[in-house]
Amino acid sequence: MPVRGRDLDRIFSVQHERVVANDNTVRLAGRVWQLERTRWRGTLAGCRVRICEHLDGRVTIVYGPHVVGRYTAGGSGSAPQKIRARQAVYPLLSEGKKKQNRTDHVL
């Protein structure tokens, strides 16, 4: 029976919850992963993330619906893929309306 709308790769992984340290790192079982800066948040320090250890040895670090880190079984990191679908859902303000310059606050 096919399963729709589910990430089976994440479901069939060993998951651990950790809090991101002040230096934007996450630790698990003697391993340390450095999280890159995201467009939507400068740092994830103090945030709870989920570390997913996949069956093939890969590690994925997730914050809510966002994948914030992908690492190979050897430990090298790969940048998370940029999601372009969000741009289609939330078009830029300049496409729909022009920003109005308000000068009524100037004395």
PDB file of N, CA and C in Angstrom:
ATOM      1  N   MET A   1       0.842  -1.170   0.000  1.00  0.00           N
ATOM      2  CA  MET A   1       0.000   0.000   0.000  1.00  0.00           C
ATOM      3  C   MET A   1       0.897   1.246   0.000  1.00  0.00           C
ATOM      4  N   PRO A   2       0.758   2.120  -0.987  1.00  0.00           N
ATOM      5  CA  PRO A   2       1.582   3.322  -1.029  1.00  0.00           C
ATOM      6  C   PRO A   2       1.200   4.305   0.081  1.00  0.00           C
ATOM      7  N   VAL A   3       2.214   5.010   0.553  1.00  0.00           N
ATOM      8  CA  VAL A   3       2.002   6.015   1.591  1.00  0.00           C
ATOM      9  C   VAL A   3       2.249   7.376   0.956  1.00  0.00           C
ATOM     10  N   ARG A   4       1.267   8.240   1.036  1.00  0.00           N
ATOM     11  CA  ARG A   4       1.393   9.561   0.414  1.00  0.00           C
ATOM     12  C   ARG A   4       1.556  10.622   1.490  1.00  0.00           C
ATOM     13  N   GLY A   5       2.350  11.633   1.171  1.00  0.00           N
ATOM     14  CA  GLY A   5       2.518  12.755   2.080  1.00  0.00           C
ATOM     15  C   GLY A   5       3.399  12.439   3.277  1.00  0.00           C
ATOM     16  N   ARG A   6       4.160  11.371   3.225  1.00  0.00           N
ATOM     17  CA  ARG A   6       5.031  10.997   4.333  1.00  0.00           C
ATOM     18  C   ARG A   6       6.462  10.875   3.835  1.00  0.00           C
ATOM     19  N   ASP A   7       7.396  11.296   4.630  1.00  0.00           N
ATOM     20  CA  ASP A   7       8.807  11.155   4.316  1.00  0.00           C
ATOM     21  C   ASP A   7       9.294   9.861   4.957  1.00  0.00           C
ATOM     22  N   LEU A   8       9.250   8.771   4.204  1.00  0.00           N
ATOM     23  CA  LEU A   8       9.612   7.466   4.750  1.00  0.00           C
ATOM     24  C   LEU A   8      11.072   7.415   5.181  1.00  0.00           C
ATOM     25  N   ASP A   9      11.918   8.159   4.489  1.00  0.00           N
ATOM     26  CA  ASP A   9      13.323   8.204   4.861  1.00  0.00           C
ATOM     27  C   ASP A   9      13.492   8.736   6.286  1.00  0.00           C
ATOM     28  N   ARG A  10      12.688   9.726   6.641  1.00  0.00           N
ATOM     29  CA  ARG A  10      12.757  10.290   7.990  1.00  0.00           C
ATOM     30  C   ARG A  10      12.036   9.398   9.002  1.00  0.00           C
ATOM     31  N   ILE A  11      10.955   8.777   8.581  1.00  0.00           N
ATOM     32  CA  ILE A  11      10.208   7.906   9.491  1.00  0.00           C
ATOM     33  C   ILE A  11      11.063   6.713   9.914  1.00  0.00           C
ATOM     34  N   PHE A  12      11.806   6.132   8.953  1.00  0.00           N
ATOM     35  CA  PHE A  12      12.643   4.973   9.255  1.00  0.00           C
ATOM     36  C   PHE A  12      14.059   5.409   9.630  1.00  0.00           C
ATOM     37  N   SER A  13      14.175   6.361  10.510  1.00  0.00           N
ATOM     38  CA  SER A  13      15.477   6.808  11.005  1.00  0.00           C
ATOM     39  C   SER A  13      15.422   6.853  12.527  1.00  0.00           C
ATOM     40  N   VAL A  14      16.597   6.776  13.137  1.00  0.00           N
ATOM     41  CA  VAL A  14      16.698   6.919  14.588  1.00  0.00           C
ATOM     42  C   VAL A  14      16.763   8.415  14.864  1.00  0.00           C
ATOM     43  N   GLN A  15      15.831   8.917  15.684  1.00  0.00           N
ATOM     44  CA  GLN A  15      15.729  10.361  15.896  1.00  0.00           C
ATOM     45  C   GLN A  15      16.069  10.726  17.331  1.00  0.00           C
ATOM     46  N   HIS A  16      16.834  11.811  17.472  1.00  0.00           N
ATOM     47  CA  HIS A  16      17.223  12.337  18.777  1.00  0.00           C
ATOM     48  C   HIS A  16      16.904  13.823  18.795  1.00  0.00           C
ATOM     49  N   GLU A  17      16.468  14.329  19.920  1.00  0.00           N
ATOM     50  CA  GLU A  17      16.204  15.758  20.055  1.00  0.00           C
ATOM     51  C   GLU A  17      17.337  16.384  20.858  1.00  0.00           C
ATOM     52  N   ARG A  18      17.855  17.492  20.354  1.00  0.00           N
ATOM     53  CA  ARG A  18      18.942  18.205  21.024  1.00  0.00           C
ATOM     54  C   ARG A  18      18.682  19.706  20.954  1.00  0.00           C
ATOM     55  N   VAL A  19      19.358  20.454  21.836  1.00  0.00           N
ATOM     56  CA  VAL A  19      19.302  21.913  21.827  1.00  0.00           C
ATOM     57  C   VAL A  19      20.601  22.419  21.203  1.00  0.00           C
ATOM     58  N   VAL A  20      20.490  23.368  20.288  1.00  0.00           N
ATOM     59  CA  VAL A  20      21.649  23.931  19.597  1.00  0.00           C
ATOM     60  C   VAL A  20      22.435  24.801  20.577  1.00  0.00           C
ATOM     61  N   ALA A  21      23.749  24.607  20.625  1.00  0.00           N
ATOM     62  CA  ALA A  21      24.626  25.377  21.511  1.00  0.00           C
ATOM     63  C   ALA A  21      24.801  26.804  20.993  1.00  0.00           C
ATOM     64  N   ASN A  22      25.397  27.654  21.825  1.00  0.00           N
ATOM     65  CA  ASN A  22      25.590  29.068  21.458  1.00  0.00           C
ATOM     66  C   ASN A  22      26.472  29.251  20.226  1.00  0.00           C
ATOM     67  N   ASP A  23      27.361  28.289  19.955  1.00  0.00           N
ATOM     68  CA  ASP A  23      28.228  28.392  18.781  1.00  0.00           C
ATOM     69  C   ASP A  23      27.608  27.731  17.544  1.00  0.00           C
ATOM     70  N   ASN A  24      26.287  27.495  17.586  1.00  0.00           N
ATOM     71  CA  ASN A  24      25.521  26.934  16.477  1.00  0.00           C
ATOM     72  C   ASN A  24      25.962  25.504  16.140  1.00  0.00           C
ATOM     73  N   THR A  25      26.306  24.725  17.161  1.00  0.00           N
ATOM     74  CA  THR A  25      26.678  23.331  16.971  1.00  0.00           C
ATOM     75  C   THR A  25      25.689  22.432  17.698  1.00  0.00           C
ATOM     76  N   VAL A  26      25.639  21.182  17.248  1.00  0.00           N
ATOM     77  CA  VAL A  26      24.809  20.164  17.863  1.00  0.00           C
ATOM     78  C   VAL A  26      25.705  18.964  18.140  1.00  0.00           C
ATOM     79  N   ARG A  27      25.559  18.364  19.324  1.00  0.00           N
ATOM     80  CA  ARG A  27      26.394  17.222  19.716  1.00  0.00           C
ATOM     81  C   ARG A  27      25.528  16.000  19.950  1.00  0.00           C
ATOM     82  N   LEU A  28      26.073  14.843  19.540  1.00  0.00           N
ATOM     83  CA  LEU A  28      25.409  13.564  19.781  1.00  0.00           C
ATOM     84  C   LEU A  28      26.466  12.465  19.775  1.00  0.00           C
ATOM     85  N   ALA A  29      26.566  11.739  20.863  1.00  0.00           N
ATOM     86  CA  ALA A  29      27.453  10.566  20.977  1.00  0.00           C
ATOM     87  C   ALA A  29      28.891  10.872  20.552  1.00  0.00           C
ATOM     88  N   GLY A  30      29.437  11.969  21.028  1.00  0.00           N
ATOM     89  CA  GLY A  30      30.823  12.320  20.727  1.00  0.00           C
ATOM     90  C   GLY A  30      31.039  12.978  19.375  1.00  0.00           C
ATOM     91  N   ARG A  31      29.989  13.163  18.605  1.00  0.00           N
ATOM     92  CA  ARG A  31      30.100  13.833  17.306  1.00  0.00           C
ATOM     93  C   ARG A  31      29.544  15.242  17.423  1.00  0.00           C
ATOM     94  N   VAL A  32      30.125  16.157  16.657  1.00  0.00           N
ATOM     95  CA  VAL A  32      29.698  17.562  16.675  1.00  0.00           C
ATOM     96  C   VAL A  32      29.434  17.990  15.242  1.00  0.00           C
ATOM     97  N   TRP A  33      28.274  18.623  15.027  1.00  0.00           N
ATOM     98  CA  TRP A  33      27.923  19.145  13.710  1.00  0.00           C
ATOM     99  C   TRP A  33      27.733  20.657  13.809  1.00  0.00           C
ATOM    100  N   GLN A  34      28.341  21.388  12.890  1.00  0.00           N
ATOM    101  CA  GLN A  34      28.205  22.842  12.805  1.00  0.00           C
ATOM    102  C   GLN A  34      27.060  23.154  11.857  1.00  0.00           C
ATOM    103  N   LEU A  35      26.076  23.906  12.329  1.00  0.00           N
ATOM    104  CA  LEU A  35      24.938  24.282  11.494  1.00  0.00           C
ATOM    105  C   LEU A  35      25.245  25.590  10.783  1.00  0.00           C
ATOM    106  N   GLU A  36      24.913  25.642   9.514  1.00  0.00           N
ATOM    107  CA  GLU A  36      25.120  26.854   8.725  1.00  0.00           C
ATOM    108  C   GLU A  36      24.033  27.874   9.041  1.00  0.00           C
ATOM    109  N   ARG A  37      24.304  29.089   8.704  1.00  0.00           N
ATOM    110  CA  ARG A  37      23.332  30.170   8.877  1.00  0.00           C
ATOM    111  C   ARG A  37      22.195  29.982   7.873  1.00  0.00           C
ATOM    112  N   THR A  38      20.986  30.303   8.292  1.00  0.00           N
ATOM    113  CA  THR A  38      19.836  30.194   7.397  1.00  0.00           C
ATOM    114  C   THR A  38      19.372  31.579   6.970  1.00  0.00           C
ATOM    115  N   ARG A  39      18.585  31.627   5.887  1.00  0.00           N
ATOM    116  CA  ARG A  39      18.067  32.921   5.416  1.00  0.00           C
ATOM    117  C   ARG A  39      17.026  33.479   6.365  1.00  0.00           C
ATOM    118  N   TRP A  40      16.272  32.597   7.008  1.00  0.00           N
ATOM    119  CA  TRP A  40      15.131  33.012   7.803  1.00  0.00           C
ATOM    120  C   TRP A  40      15.466  33.187   9.280  1.00  0.00           C
ATOM    121  N   ARG A  41      16.681  32.842   9.700  1.00  0.00           N
ATOM    122  CA  ARG A  41      17.067  33.011  11.098  1.00  0.00           C
ATOM    123  C   ARG A  41      18.587  33.063  11.153  1.00  0.00           C
ATOM    124  N   GLY A  42      19.149  34.052  11.820  1.00  0.00           N
ATOM    125  CA  GLY A  42      20.597  34.214  11.891  1.00  0.00           C
ATOM    126  C   GLY A  42      21.297  33.074  12.599  1.00  0.00           C
ATOM    127  N   THR A  43      20.734  32.631  13.702  1.00  0.00           N
ATOM    128  CA  THR A  43      21.324  31.535  14.463  1.00  0.00           C
ATOM    129  C   THR A  43      20.214  30.666  15.044  1.00  0.00           C
ATOM    130  N   LEU A  44      20.531  29.408  15.224  1.00  0.00           N
ATOM    131  CA  LEU A  44      19.578  28.488  15.827  1.00  0.00           C
ATOM    132  C   LEU A  44      19.948  28.195  17.278  1.00  0.00           C
ATOM    133  N   ALA A  45      20.853  28.973  17.846  1.00  0.00           N
ATOM    134  CA  ALA A  45      21.289  28.762  19.226  1.00  0.00           C
ATOM    135  C   ALA A  45      20.086  28.788  20.171  1.00  0.00           C
ATOM    136  N   GLY A  46      20.002  27.758  21.015  1.00  0.00           N
ATOM    137  CA  GLY A  46      18.907  27.659  21.969  1.00  0.00           C
ATOM    138  C   GLY A  46      17.663  26.971  21.425  1.00  0.00           C
ATOM    139  N   CYS A  47      17.631  26.671  20.145  1.00  0.00           N
ATOM    140  CA  CYS A  47      16.465  26.021  19.538  1.00  0.00           C
ATOM    141  C   CYS A  47      16.590  24.504  19.638  1.00  0.00           C
ATOM    142  N   ARG A  48      15.452  23.842  19.756  1.00  0.00           N
ATOM    143  CA  ARG A  48      15.428  22.371  19.759  1.00  0.00           C
ATOM    144  C   ARG A  48      15.386  21.877  18.325  1.00  0.00           C
ATOM    145  N   VAL A  49      16.319  20.989  17.995  1.00  0.00           N
ATOM    146  CA  VAL A  49      16.369  20.383  16.671  1.00  0.00           C
ATOM    147  C   VAL A  49      16.268  18.867  16.819  1.00  0.00           C
ATOM    148  N   ARG A  50      15.929  18.221  15.716  1.00  0.00           N
ATOM    149  CA  ARG A  50      15.849  16.768  15.702  1.00  0.00           C
ATOM    150  C   ARG A  50      16.952  16.241  14.801  1.00  0.00           C
ATOM    151  N   ILE A  51      17.770  15.329  15.336  1.00  0.00           N
ATOM    152  CA  ILE A  51      18.843  14.696  14.571  1.00  0.00           C
ATOM    153  C   ILE A  51      18.323  13.346  14.097  1.00  0.00           C
ATOM    154  N   CYS A  52      18.325  13.124  12.784  1.00  0.00           N
ATOM    155  CA  CYS A  52      17.825  11.876  12.203  1.00  0.00           C
ATOM    156  C   CYS A  52      19.012  11.096  11.653  1.00  0.00           C
ATOM    157  N   GLU A  53      19.260   9.925  12.229  1.00  0.00           N
ATOM    158  CA  GLU A  53      20.308   9.032  11.734  1.00  0.00           C
ATOM    159  C   GLU A  53      19.646   8.008  10.817  1.00  0.00           C
ATOM    160  N   HIS A  54      19.954   8.084   9.533  1.00  0.00           N
ATOM    161  CA  HIS A  54      19.307   7.249   8.531  1.00  0.00           C
ATOM    162  C   HIS A  54      19.978   5.879   8.454  1.00  0.00           C
ATOM    163  N   LEU A  55      19.279   4.923   7.842  1.00  0.00           N
ATOM    164  CA  LEU A  55      19.756   3.553   7.761  1.00  0.00           C
ATOM    165  C   LEU A  55      21.077   3.427   6.998  1.00  0.00           C
ATOM    166  N   ASP A  56      21.326   4.307   6.040  1.00  0.00           N
ATOM    167  CA  ASP A  56      22.564   4.248   5.254  1.00  0.00           C
ATOM    168  C   ASP A  56      23.708   5.039   5.883  1.00  0.00           C
ATOM    169  N   GLY A  57      23.507   5.570   7.096  1.00  0.00           N
ATOM    170  CA  GLY A  57      24.567   6.282   7.802  1.00  0.00           C
ATOM    171  C   GLY A  57      24.513   7.792   7.684  1.00  0.00           C
ATOM    172  N   ARG A  58      23.688   8.310   6.797  1.00  0.00           N
ATOM    173  CA  ARG A  58      23.557   9.767   6.672  1.00  0.00           C
ATOM    174  C   ARG A  58      22.923  10.335   7.924  1.00  0.00           C
ATOM    175  N   VAL A  59      23.160  11.630   8.157  1.00  0.00           N
ATOM    176  CA  VAL A  59      22.551  12.348   9.280  1.00  0.00           C
ATOM    177  C   VAL A  59      21.884  13.597   8.730  1.00  0.00           C
ATOM    178  N   THR A  60      20.636  13.808   9.133  1.00  0.00           N
ATOM    179  CA  THR A  60      19.891  15.001   8.753  1.00  0.00           C
ATOM    180  C   THR A  60      19.471  15.707  10.030  1.00  0.00           C
ATOM    181  N   ILE A  61      19.639  17.023  10.071  1.00  0.00           N
ATOM    182  CA  ILE A  61      19.231  17.814  11.235  1.00  0.00           C
ATOM    183  C   ILE A  61      18.065  18.686  10.804  1.00  0.00           C
ATOM    184  N   VAL A  62      16.972  18.606  11.579  1.00  0.00           N
ATOM    185  CA  VAL A  62      15.712  19.237  11.201  1.00  0.00           C
ATOM    186  C   VAL A  62      15.259  20.174  12.314  1.00  0.00           C
ATOM    187  N   TYR A  63      14.798  21.369  11.917  1.00  0.00           N
ATOM    188  CA  TYR A  63      14.185  22.323  12.840  1.00  0.00           C
ATOM    189  C   TYR A  63      12.778  22.590  12.328  1.00  0.00           C
ATOM    190  N   GLY A  64      11.778  22.029  13.010  1.00  0.00           N
ATOM    191  CA  GLY A  64      10.401  22.140  12.526  1.00  0.00           C
ATOM    192  C   GLY A  64      10.306  21.487  11.167  1.00  0.00           C
ATOM    193  N   PRO A  65       9.762  22.178  10.161  1.00  0.00           N
ATOM    194  CA  PRO A  65       9.679  21.592   8.823  1.00  0.00           C
ATOM    195  C   PRO A  65      10.946  21.807   7.989  1.00  0.00           C
ATOM    196  N   HIS A  66      11.939  22.510   8.541  1.00  0.00           N
ATOM    197  CA  HIS A  66      13.142  22.895   7.792  1.00  0.00           C
ATOM    198  C   HIS A  66      14.284  21.918   8.023  1.00  0.00           C
ATOM    199  N   VAL A  67      14.931  21.495   6.951  1.00  0.00           N
ATOM    200  CA  VAL A  67      16.165  20.724   7.053  1.00  0.00           C
ATOM    201  C   VAL A  67      17.301  21.737   7.141  1.00  0.00           C
ATOM    202  N   VAL A  68      18.018  21.747   8.265  1.00  0.00           N
ATOM    203  CA  VAL A  68      19.069  22.750   8.477  1.00  0.00           C
ATOM    204  C   VAL A  68      20.465  22.155   8.351  1.00  0.00           C
ATOM    205  N   GLY A  69      20.571  20.836   8.190  1.00  0.00           N
ATOM    206  CA  GLY A  69      21.868  20.214   8.004  1.00  0.00           C
ATOM    207  C   GLY A  69      21.733  18.835   7.401  1.00  0.00           C
ATOM    208  N   ARG A  70      22.621  18.532   6.445  1.00  0.00           N
ATOM    209  CA  ARG A  70      22.697  17.202   5.843  1.00  0.00           C
ATOM    210  C   ARG A  70      24.154  16.789   5.854  1.00  0.00           C
ATOM    211  N   TYR A  71      24.420  15.589   6.330  1.00  0.00           N
ATOM    212  CA  TYR A  71      25.783  15.112   6.445  1.00  0.00           C
ATOM    213  C   TYR A  71      25.860  13.684   5.940  1.00  0.00           C
ATOM    214  N   THR A  72      26.949  13.353   5.258  1.00  0.00           N
ATOM    215  CA  THR A  72      27.144  12.008   4.728  1.00  0.00           C
ATOM    216  C   THR A  72      27.590  11.085   5.853  1.00  0.00           C
ATOM    217  N   ALA A  73      27.647   9.793   5.560  1.00  0.00           N
ATOM    218  CA  ALA A  73      28.076   8.819   6.554  1.00  0.00           C
ATOM    219  C   ALA A  73      29.519   9.089   6.990  1.00  0.00           C
ATOM    220  N   GLY A  74      30.326   9.668   6.105  1.00  0.00           N
ATOM    221  CA  GLY A  74      31.715  10.001   6.437  1.00  0.00           C
ATOM    222  C   GLY A  74      31.847  11.259   7.275  1.00  0.00           C
ATOM    223  N   GLY A  75      30.771  12.003   7.425  1.00  0.00           N
ATOM    224  CA  GLY A  75      30.795  13.194   8.264  1.00  0.00           C
ATOM    225  C   GLY A  75      30.877  14.507   7.515  1.00  0.00           C
ATOM    226  N   SER A  76      31.078  14.468   6.202  1.00  0.00           N
ATOM    227  CA  SER A  76      31.159  15.732   5.476  1.00  0.00           C
ATOM    228  C   SER A  76      29.758  16.289   5.256  1.00  0.00           C
ATOM    229  N   GLY A  77      29.668  17.583   5.297  1.00  0.00           N
ATOM    230  CA  GLY A  77      28.369  18.245   5.173  1.00  0.00           C
ATOM    231  C   GLY A  77      28.049  18.612   3.754  1.00  0.00           C
ATOM    232  N   SER A  78      26.775  18.675   3.488  1.00  0.00           N
ATOM    233  CA  SER A  78      26.296  19.183   2.210  1.00  0.00           C
ATOM    234  C   SER A  78      25.221  20.200   2.524  1.00  0.00           C
ATOM    235  N   ALA A  79      25.219  21.271   1.770  1.00  0.00           N
ATOM    236  CA  ALA A  79      24.271  22.360   2.038  1.00  0.00           C
ATOM    237  C   ALA A  79      22.853  21.895   1.782  1.00  0.00           C
ATOM    238  N   PRO A  80      21.901  22.279   2.652  1.00  0.00           N
ATOM    239  CA  PRO A  80      20.503  21.945   2.382  1.00  0.00           C
ATOM    240  C   PRO A  80      20.053  22.574   1.070  1.00  0.00           C
ATOM    241  N   GLN A  81      19.194  21.866   0.354  1.00  0.00           N
ATOM    242  CA  GLN A  81      18.700  22.387  -0.911  1.00  0.00           C
ATOM    243  C   GLN A  81      17.799  23.587  -0.660  1.00  0.00           C
ATOM    244  N   LYS A  82      17.954  24.587  -1.503  1.00  0.00           N
ATOM    245  CA  LYS A  82      17.115  25.771  -1.374  1.00  0.00           C
ATOM    246  C   LYS A  82      15.723  25.454  -1.898  1.00  0.00           C
ATOM    247  N   ILE A  83      14.726  25.846  -1.164  1.00  0.00           N
ATOM    248  CA  ILE A  83      13.353  25.577  -1.555  1.00  0.00           C
ATOM    249  C   ILE A  83      12.820  26.799  -2.290  1.00  0.00           C
ATOM    250  N   ARG A  84      12.464  26.622  -3.539  1.00  0.00           N
ATOM    251  CA  ARG A  84      11.966  27.737  -4.333  1.00  0.00           C
ATOM    252  C   ARG A  84      10.455  27.797  -4.354  1.00  0.00           C
ATOM    253  N   ALA A  85       9.794  26.779  -3.869  1.00  0.00           N
ATOM    254  CA  ALA A  85       8.333  26.764  -3.881  1.00  0.00           C
ATOM    255  C   ALA A  85       7.763  27.880  -3.024  1.00  0.00           C
ATOM    256  N   ARG A  86       8.460  28.275  -1.994  1.00  0.00           N
ATOM    257  CA  ARG A  86       7.970  29.332  -1.117  1.00  0.00           C
ATOM    258  C   ARG A  86       7.829  30.654  -1.866  1.00  0.00           C
ATOM    259  N   GLN A  87       8.703  30.895  -2.816  1.00  0.00           N
ATOM    260  CA  GLN A  87       8.617  32.134  -3.579  1.00  0.00           C
ATOM    261  C   GLN A  87       7.328  32.184  -4.385  1.00  0.00           C
ATOM    262  N   ALA A  88       6.865  31.031  -4.839  1.00  0.00           N
ATOM    263  CA  ALA A  88       5.628  31.003  -5.607  1.00  0.00           C
ATOM    264  C   ALA A  88       4.418  31.237  -4.699  1.00  0.00           C
ATOM    265  N   VAL A  89       4.499  30.759  -3.466  1.00  0.00           N
ATOM    266  CA  VAL A  89       3.394  30.921  -2.538  1.00  0.00           C
ATOM    267  C   VAL A  89       3.338  32.354  -2.011  1.00  0.00           C
ATOM    268  N   TYR A  90       4.490  32.924  -1.719  1.00  0.00           N
ATOM    269  CA  TYR A  90       4.577  34.285  -1.196  1.00  0.00           C
ATOM    270  C   TYR A  90       5.337  35.155  -2.188  1.00  0.00           C
ATOM    271  N   PRO A  91       4.667  35.695  -3.191  1.00  0.00           N
ATOM    272  CA  PRO A  91       5.368  36.515  -4.174  1.00  0.00           C
ATOM    273  C   PRO A  91       5.921  37.786  -3.533  1.00  0.00           C
ATOM    274  N   LEU A  92       6.927  38.311  -4.159  1.00  0.00           N
ATOM    275  CA  LEU A  92       7.560  39.520  -3.639  1.00  0.00           C
ATOM    276  C   LEU A  92       6.576  40.687  -3.633  1.00  0.00           C
ATOM    277  N   LEU A  93       6.750  41.551  -2.683  1.00  0.00           N
ATOM    278  CA  LEU A  93       5.865  42.695  -2.529  1.00  0.00           C
ATOM    279  C   LEU A  93       5.923  43.595  -3.760  1.00  0.00           C
ATOM    280  N   SER A  94       7.093  43.688  -4.363  1.00  0.00           N
ATOM    281  CA  SER A  94       7.251  44.599  -5.490  1.00  0.00           C
ATOM    282  C   SER A  94       6.479  44.130  -6.728  1.00  0.00           C
ATOM    283  N   GLU A  95       6.153  42.838  -6.801  1.00  0.00           N
ATOM    284  CA  GLU A  95       5.408  42.358  -7.964  1.00  0.00           C
ATOM    285  C   GLU A  95       3.949  42.788  -7.906  1.00  0.00           C
ATOM    286  N   GLY A  96       3.344  42.733  -6.729  1.00  0.00           N
ATOM    287  CA  GLY A  96       1.927  43.026  -6.610  1.00  0.00           C
ATOM    288  C   GLY A  96       1.647  44.499  -6.363  1.00  0.00           C
ATOM    289  N   LYS A  97       2.294  45.072  -5.373  1.00  0.00           N
ATOM    290  CA  LYS A  97       2.054  46.458  -4.992  1.00  0.00           C
ATOM    291  C   LYS A  97       3.381  47.192  -4.907  1.00  0.00           C
ATOM    292  N   LYS A  98       3.350  48.417  -5.194  1.00  0.00           N
ATOM    293  CA  LYS A  98       4.525  49.254  -4.986  1.00  0.00           C
ATOM    294  C   LYS A  98       4.516  49.734  -3.546  1.00  0.00           C
ATOM    295  N   LYS A  99       5.682  49.773  -2.929  1.00  0.00           N
ATOM    296  CA  LYS A  99       5.784  50.249  -1.562  1.00  0.00           C
ATOM    297  C   LYS A  99       5.540  51.753  -1.553  1.00  0.00           C
ATOM    298  N   GLN A 100       4.680  52.175  -0.648  1.00  0.00           N
ATOM    299  CA  GLN A 100       4.366  53.595  -0.568  1.00  0.00           C
ATOM    300  C   GLN A 100       5.335  54.268   0.388  1.00  0.00           C
ATOM    301  N   ASN A 101       5.875  55.391  -0.049  1.00  0.00           N
ATOM    302  CA  ASN A 101       6.736  56.183   0.822  1.00  0.00           C
ATOM    303  C   ASN A 101       5.858  57.110   1.640  1.00  0.00           C
ATOM    304  N   ARG A 102       5.913  56.946   2.939  1.00  0.00           N
ATOM    305  CA  ARG A 102       5.092  57.783   3.811  1.00  0.00           C
ATOM    306  C   ARG A 102       5.925  58.930   4.321  1.00  0.00           C
ATOM    307  N   THR A 103       5.455  60.131   4.100  1.00  0.00           N
ATOM    308  CA  THR A 103       6.173  61.302   4.575  1.00  0.00           C
ATOM    309  C   THR A 103       5.354  62.120   5.540  1.00  0.00           C
ATOM    310  N   ASP A 104       4.183  61.585   5.952  1.00  0.00           N
ATOM    311  CA  ASP A 104       3.343  62.368   6.852  1.00  0.00           C
ATOM    312  C   ASP A 104       3.909  62.419   8.274  1.00  0.00           C
ATOM    313  N   HIS A 105       4.925  61.625   8.591  1.00  0.00           N
ATOM    314  CA  HIS A 105       5.516  61.669   9.914  1.00  0.00           C
ATOM    315  C   HIS A 105       6.625  62.713  10.030  1.00  0.00           C
ATOM    316  N   VAL A 106       7.070  63.273   8.904  1.00  0.00           N
ATOM    317  CA  VAL A 106       8.138  64.256   8.899  1.00  0.00           C
ATOM    318  C   VAL A 106       7.554  65.628   9.253  1.00  0.00           C
ATOM    319  N   LEU A 107       8.188  66.314  10.167  1.00  0.00           N
ATOM    320  CA  LEU A 107       7.709  67.652  10.569  1.00  0.00           C
ATOM    321  C   LEU A 107       8.339  68.737   9.773  1.00  0.00           C
TER     322      LEU A 107
END
